[in-house]
Amino acid sequence: MARVRRAWEKFREFLPIVTGKGFSLKLKGKAYTSRVRSCSFYGSETWPMKVNMNSWTLNEMSMLRCMCGFSLKDSKN
């Protein structure tokens, strides 16, 4: 959980870039990959697979939705 928390801190640090309307998705993706994802995967070789990967996947999808300007309410069932 500490890695997920640190990833959210990095995400909030880069919030103006990753959620800004004037930036391309390519630039947002590069900022996300280089800063947020690398921070979240630091030390991941020691994680138990099922426990932390599920938590990380949910948080990554939440961050990506935020970057693209979508929410869970926007999806159609």
Protein backbone atom coordinates (compact mmCIF):
# COMPACT_ATOMS: atom_id res chain seq x y z
CA MET A 1 0.00 0.00 0.00
CA ALA A 2 2.91 2.37 0.59
CA ARG A 3 3.89 2.18 -3.09
CA VAL A 4 0.34 3.00 -4.17
CA ARG A 5 0.29 5.94 -1.77
CA ARG A 6 3.61 7.24 -3.15
CA ALA A 7 2.33 6.83 -6.71
CA TRP A 8 -0.72 8.97 -5.85
CA GLU A 9 1.58 11.59 -4.33
CA LYS A 10 3.59 11.71 -7.56
CA PHE A 11 0.39 11.81 -9.58
CA ARG A 12 -0.85 14.80 -7.59
CA GLU A 13 2.54 16.48 -8.03
CA PHE A 14 2.14 16.24 -11.81
CA LEU A 15 -1.61 16.91 -11.77
CA PRO A 16 -1.41 20.15 -13.82
CA ILE A 17 0.38 18.28 -16.61
CA VAL A 18 -1.49 14.98 -16.62
CA THR A 19 -4.95 16.56 -16.39
CA GLY A 20 -4.31 19.79 -18.28
CA LYS A 21 -6.41 20.46 -21.38
CA GLY A 22 -3.50 22.01 -23.31
CA PHE A 23 -1.30 18.91 -23.23
CA SER A 24 -1.43 16.02 -25.67
CA LEU A 25 -2.16 12.49 -24.49
CA LYS A 26 1.34 11.52 -25.64
CA LEU A 27 2.95 14.05 -23.29
CA LYS A 28 0.61 13.05 -20.47
CA GLY A 29 1.53 9.41 -21.04
CA LYS A 30 5.24 10.15 -20.96
CA ALA A 31 4.92 12.10 -17.71
CA TYR A 32 2.81 9.32 -16.22
CA THR A 33 5.14 6.54 -17.33
CA SER A 34 8.37 8.22 -16.34
CA ARG A 35 7.31 9.55 -12.94
CA VAL A 36 4.20 7.90 -11.57
CA ARG A 37 4.53 4.36 -12.88
CA SER A 38 8.25 4.13 -12.12
CA CYS A 39 7.57 5.29 -8.56
CA SER A 40 4.79 2.76 -8.17
CA PHE A 41 6.84 -0.17 -9.51
CA TYR A 42 9.96 0.58 -7.46
CA GLY A 43 10.73 -2.58 -5.51
CA SER A 44 7.90 -4.51 -7.15
CA GLU A 45 9.99 -7.64 -7.64
CA THR A 46 9.42 -8.40 -3.96
CA TRP A 47 5.61 -8.02 -4.04
CA PRO A 48 3.28 -10.98 -3.61
CA MET A 49 1.58 -11.22 -7.00
CA LYS A 50 -2.12 -11.37 -6.27
CA VAL A 51 -2.30 -9.11 -3.23
CA ASN A 52 -0.59 -5.97 -4.49
CA MET A 53 -1.08 -6.27 -8.25
CA ASN A 54 -4.86 -6.10 -7.87
CA SER A 55 -4.57 -2.96 -5.78
CA TRP A 56 -2.05 -1.44 -8.19
CA THR A 57 -4.21 -2.22 -11.24
CA LEU A 58 -7.27 -0.55 -9.71
CA ASN A 59 -5.27 2.56 -8.84
CA GLU A 60 -3.61 2.73 -12.25
CA MET A 61 -6.97 2.60 -14.01
CA SER A 62 -8.27 5.33 -11.72
CA MET A 63 -5.28 7.54 -12.59
CA LEU A 64 -5.67 6.89 -16.31
CA ARG A 65 -9.38 7.78 -16.18
CA CYS A 66 -8.48 11.00 -14.41
CA MET A 67 -5.87 11.81 -17.09
CA CYS A 68 -8.38 11.30 -19.88
CA GLY A 69 -11.15 13.20 -18.13
CA PHE A 70 -13.51 10.26 -17.57
CA SER A 71 -15.15 8.96 -14.44
CA LEU A 72 -16.86 5.72 -13.55
CA LYS A 73 -20.20 7.51 -13.96
CA ASP A 74 -19.40 8.12 -17.64
CA SER A 75 -19.30 4.42 -18.50
CA LYS A 76 -22.40 2.77 -19.92
CA ASN A 77 -23.31 -0.68 -18.69
